[in-house]
Amino acid sequence: MTDIPLTTQRPAHRDDRLAHALIFIPCFAVLFSVAILGQAVGLHWRRWLPGAENMNNVFAGVKAAVYTLMSHII
């Protein structure tokens, strides 16, 4: 029988968290401004942002959209 090596996930290091924050924060700011602008004008902004279709409020919708966008980037 052949040995199958077990791969373990490495714990999140400080550099990983910093990189995550450096991607998340600007994306959140841009998408949040798009959502607020759409909300102010009266447009249906949830259709513009992937992942935000079924969210109840602006913050949850933008957060879902950022995580969806980050999954495509990384």
N, C-alpha and C. Protein backbone atom coordinates (compact mmCIF):
# COMPACT_ATOMS: atom_id res chain seq x y z
N MET A 1 0.85 -1.17 0.00
CA MET A 1 0.00 0.00 0.00
C MET A 1 0.90 1.24 0.00
N THR A 2 0.55 2.22 -0.79
CA THR A 2 1.37 3.43 -0.84
C THR A 2 0.93 4.41 0.22
N ASP A 3 1.90 5.12 0.72
CA ASP A 3 1.60 6.13 1.73
C ASP A 3 1.14 7.41 1.03
N ILE A 4 0.05 7.92 1.50
CA ILE A 4 -0.47 9.18 0.97
C ILE A 4 -0.10 10.27 1.97
N PRO A 5 0.70 11.23 1.55
CA PRO A 5 1.08 12.28 2.50
C PRO A 5 -0.12 13.15 2.85
N LEU A 6 -0.22 13.46 4.10
CA LEU A 6 -1.29 14.32 4.56
C LEU A 6 -0.83 15.77 4.45
N THR A 7 -1.62 16.56 3.81
CA THR A 7 -1.28 17.98 3.71
C THR A 7 -2.06 18.72 4.79
N THR A 8 -1.36 19.49 5.52
CA THR A 8 -2.00 20.28 6.56
C THR A 8 -1.97 21.73 6.16
N GLN A 9 -3.00 22.41 6.55
CA GLN A 9 -3.03 23.84 6.27
C GLN A 9 -2.14 24.54 7.28
N ARG A 10 -1.39 25.47 6.76
CA ARG A 10 -0.54 26.22 7.67
C ARG A 10 -1.37 27.30 8.34
N PRO A 11 -1.04 27.64 9.56
CA PRO A 11 -1.81 28.68 10.24
C PRO A 11 -1.61 30.03 9.55
N ALA A 12 -2.59 30.87 9.70
CA ALA A 12 -2.52 32.19 9.08
C ALA A 12 -1.43 33.01 9.76
N HIS A 13 -0.48 33.42 8.99
CA HIS A 13 0.60 34.22 9.52
C HIS A 13 0.25 35.69 9.42
N ARG A 14 1.07 36.49 10.03
CA ARG A 14 0.83 37.93 10.04
C ARG A 14 0.85 38.48 8.62
N ASP A 15 1.74 37.99 7.78
CA ASP A 15 1.82 38.46 6.40
C ASP A 15 0.55 38.12 5.62
N ASP A 16 -0.01 36.93 5.89
CA ASP A 16 -1.25 36.55 5.21
C ASP A 16 -2.41 37.44 5.63
N ARG A 17 -2.47 37.74 6.91
CA ARG A 17 -3.54 38.62 7.39
C ARG A 17 -3.38 40.03 6.85
N LEU A 18 -2.13 40.48 6.74
CA LEU A 18 -1.87 41.81 6.21
C LEU A 18 -2.26 41.87 4.73
N ALA A 19 -1.89 40.84 3.97
CA ALA A 19 -2.25 40.79 2.56
C ALA A 19 -3.76 40.74 2.39
N HIS A 20 -4.43 39.97 3.24
CA HIS A 20 -5.90 39.89 3.19
C HIS A 20 -6.50 41.27 3.45
N ALA A 21 -5.99 41.97 4.45
CA ALA A 21 -6.51 43.29 4.77
C ALA A 21 -6.23 44.30 3.66
N LEU A 22 -5.05 44.19 3.04
CA LEU A 22 -4.69 45.12 1.97
C LEU A 22 -5.52 44.90 0.72
N ILE A 23 -6.09 43.74 0.56
CA ILE A 23 -6.99 43.49 -0.55
C ILE A 23 -8.43 43.81 -0.15
N PHE A 24 -8.83 43.40 1.05
CA PHE A 24 -10.22 43.54 1.48
C PHE A 24 -10.62 45.00 1.65
N ILE A 25 -9.81 45.79 2.31
CA ILE A 25 -10.19 47.16 2.65
C ILE A 25 -10.40 48.04 1.42
N PRO A 26 -9.47 48.07 0.45
CA PRO A 26 -9.75 48.90 -0.73
C PRO A 26 -10.94 48.40 -1.55
N CYS A 27 -11.08 47.08 -1.67
CA CYS A 27 -12.22 46.54 -2.40
C CYS A 27 -13.52 46.89 -1.70
N PHE A 28 -13.53 46.81 -0.37
CA PHE A 28 -14.72 47.16 0.38
C PHE A 28 -15.05 48.63 0.19
N ALA A 29 -14.04 49.49 0.23
CA ALA A 29 -14.28 50.93 0.07
C ALA A 29 -14.86 51.25 -1.30
N VAL A 30 -14.32 50.64 -2.35
CA VAL A 30 -14.81 50.91 -3.70
C VAL A 30 -16.24 50.38 -3.87
N LEU A 31 -16.47 49.14 -3.47
CA LEU A 31 -17.81 48.57 -3.65
C LEU A 31 -18.83 49.22 -2.73
N PHE A 32 -18.40 49.66 -1.55
CA PHE A 32 -19.31 50.36 -0.64
C PHE A 32 -19.72 51.70 -1.24
N SER A 33 -18.77 52.40 -1.86
CA SER A 33 -19.13 53.67 -2.48
C SER A 33 -20.08 53.46 -3.65
N VAL A 34 -19.89 52.38 -4.41
CA VAL A 34 -20.81 52.06 -5.50
C VAL A 34 -22.20 51.76 -4.94
N ALA A 35 -22.26 51.00 -3.85
CA ALA A 35 -23.55 50.65 -3.25
C ALA A 35 -24.25 51.88 -2.68
N ILE A 36 -23.51 52.74 -2.01
CA ILE A 36 -24.11 53.95 -1.44
C ILE A 36 -24.60 54.88 -2.55
N LEU A 37 -23.80 55.01 -3.60
CA LEU A 37 -24.22 55.85 -4.73
C LEU A 37 -25.48 55.28 -5.38
N GLY A 38 -25.51 53.98 -5.56
CA GLY A 38 -26.69 53.34 -6.12
C GLY A 38 -27.91 53.48 -5.23
N GLN A 39 -27.68 53.37 -3.94
CA GLN A 39 -28.77 53.53 -2.96
C GLN A 39 -29.30 54.97 -2.99
N ALA A 40 -28.40 55.94 -3.08
CA ALA A 40 -28.80 57.35 -3.08
C ALA A 40 -29.57 57.71 -4.34
N VAL A 41 -29.17 57.14 -5.47
CA VAL A 41 -29.83 57.43 -6.73
C VAL A 41 -31.13 56.64 -6.87
N GLY A 42 -31.26 55.56 -6.15
CA GLY A 42 -32.47 54.75 -6.21
C GLY A 42 -32.39 53.59 -7.16
N LEU A 43 -31.18 53.17 -7.49
CA LEU A 43 -30.99 52.05 -8.40
C LEU A 43 -30.87 50.74 -7.62
N HIS A 44 -31.08 49.65 -8.30
CA HIS A 44 -30.97 48.33 -7.67
C HIS A 44 -29.52 47.86 -7.73
N TRP A 45 -28.72 48.30 -6.79
CA TRP A 45 -27.27 48.05 -6.79
C TRP A 45 -26.94 46.61 -6.46
N ARG A 46 -27.81 45.88 -5.82
CA ARG A 46 -27.50 44.50 -5.44
C ARG A 46 -27.28 43.60 -6.66
N ARG A 47 -27.90 43.93 -7.76
CA ARG A 47 -27.69 43.16 -8.99
C ARG A 47 -26.32 43.43 -9.60
N TRP A 48 -25.73 44.57 -9.29
CA TRP A 48 -24.41 44.91 -9.82
C TRP A 48 -23.30 44.14 -9.12
N LEU A 49 -23.49 43.84 -7.85
CA LEU A 49 -22.42 43.23 -7.05
C LEU A 49 -22.66 41.73 -6.91
N PRO A 50 -21.70 40.92 -7.33
CA PRO A 50 -21.87 39.47 -7.22
C PRO A 50 -21.88 39.03 -5.76
N GLY A 51 -22.83 38.21 -5.39
CA GLY A 51 -22.92 37.71 -4.03
C GLY A 51 -23.80 38.54 -3.12
N ALA A 52 -24.22 39.71 -3.55
CA ALA A 52 -24.99 40.61 -2.70
C ALA A 52 -26.48 40.54 -2.96
N GLU A 53 -26.91 39.64 -3.79
CA GLU A 53 -28.31 39.63 -4.22
C GLU A 53 -29.29 39.39 -3.08
N ASN A 54 -28.97 38.53 -2.14
CA ASN A 54 -29.93 38.14 -1.09
C ASN A 54 -29.61 38.74 0.27
N MET A 55 -28.80 39.76 0.32
CA MET A 55 -28.42 40.35 1.60
C MET A 55 -29.42 41.42 2.02
N ASN A 56 -29.55 41.58 3.34
CA ASN A 56 -30.56 42.49 3.88
C ASN A 56 -30.13 43.94 3.92
N ASN A 57 -28.85 44.19 4.18
CA ASN A 57 -28.41 45.57 4.31
C ASN A 57 -27.17 45.83 3.45
N VAL A 58 -26.76 47.08 3.41
CA VAL A 58 -25.66 47.49 2.54
C VAL A 58 -24.36 46.84 2.97
N PHE A 59 -24.07 46.83 4.28
CA PHE A 59 -22.80 46.29 4.76
C PHE A 59 -22.67 44.79 4.46
N ALA A 60 -23.71 44.05 4.69
CA ALA A 60 -23.67 42.61 4.42
C ALA A 60 -23.55 42.34 2.93
N GLY A 61 -24.23 43.12 2.13
CA GLY A 61 -24.16 42.95 0.68
C GLY A 61 -22.78 43.26 0.14
N VAL A 62 -22.18 44.34 0.63
CA VAL A 62 -20.85 44.72 0.17
C VAL A 62 -19.81 43.71 0.66
N LYS A 63 -19.96 43.25 1.88
CA LYS A 63 -19.02 42.25 2.42
C LYS A 63 -19.09 40.96 1.60
N ALA A 64 -20.29 40.52 1.26
CA ALA A 64 -20.44 39.32 0.44
C ALA A 64 -19.84 39.53 -0.95
N ALA A 65 -20.03 40.71 -1.50
CA ALA A 65 -19.48 41.00 -2.82
C ALA A 65 -17.96 41.03 -2.79
N VAL A 66 -17.38 41.59 -1.72
CA VAL A 66 -15.92 41.64 -1.61
C VAL A 66 -15.35 40.23 -1.50
N TYR A 67 -15.95 39.39 -0.68
CA TYR A 67 -15.45 38.02 -0.56
C TYR A 67 -15.61 37.24 -1.87
N THR A 68 -16.68 37.51 -2.61
CA THR A 68 -16.84 36.87 -3.91
C THR A 68 -15.76 37.35 -4.87
N LEU A 69 -15.52 38.65 -4.87
CA LEU A 69 -14.47 39.21 -5.72
C LEU A 69 -13.09 38.68 -5.33
N MET A 70 -12.82 38.58 -4.04
CA MET A 70 -11.52 38.09 -3.58
C MET A 70 -11.31 36.63 -3.95
N SER A 71 -12.37 35.85 -4.00
CA SER A 71 -12.21 34.45 -4.39
C SER A 71 -11.82 34.33 -5.86
N HIS A 72 -12.18 35.32 -6.66
CA HIS A 72 -11.78 35.32 -8.07
C HIS A 72 -10.37 35.87 -8.25
N ILE A 73 -9.96 36.76 -7.37
CA ILE A 73 -8.63 37.38 -7.47
C ILE A 73 -7.54 36.44 -6.99
N ILE A 74 -7.75 35.85 -5.85
CA ILE A 74 -6.69 35.04 -5.21
C ILE A 74 -6.69 33.65 -5.71
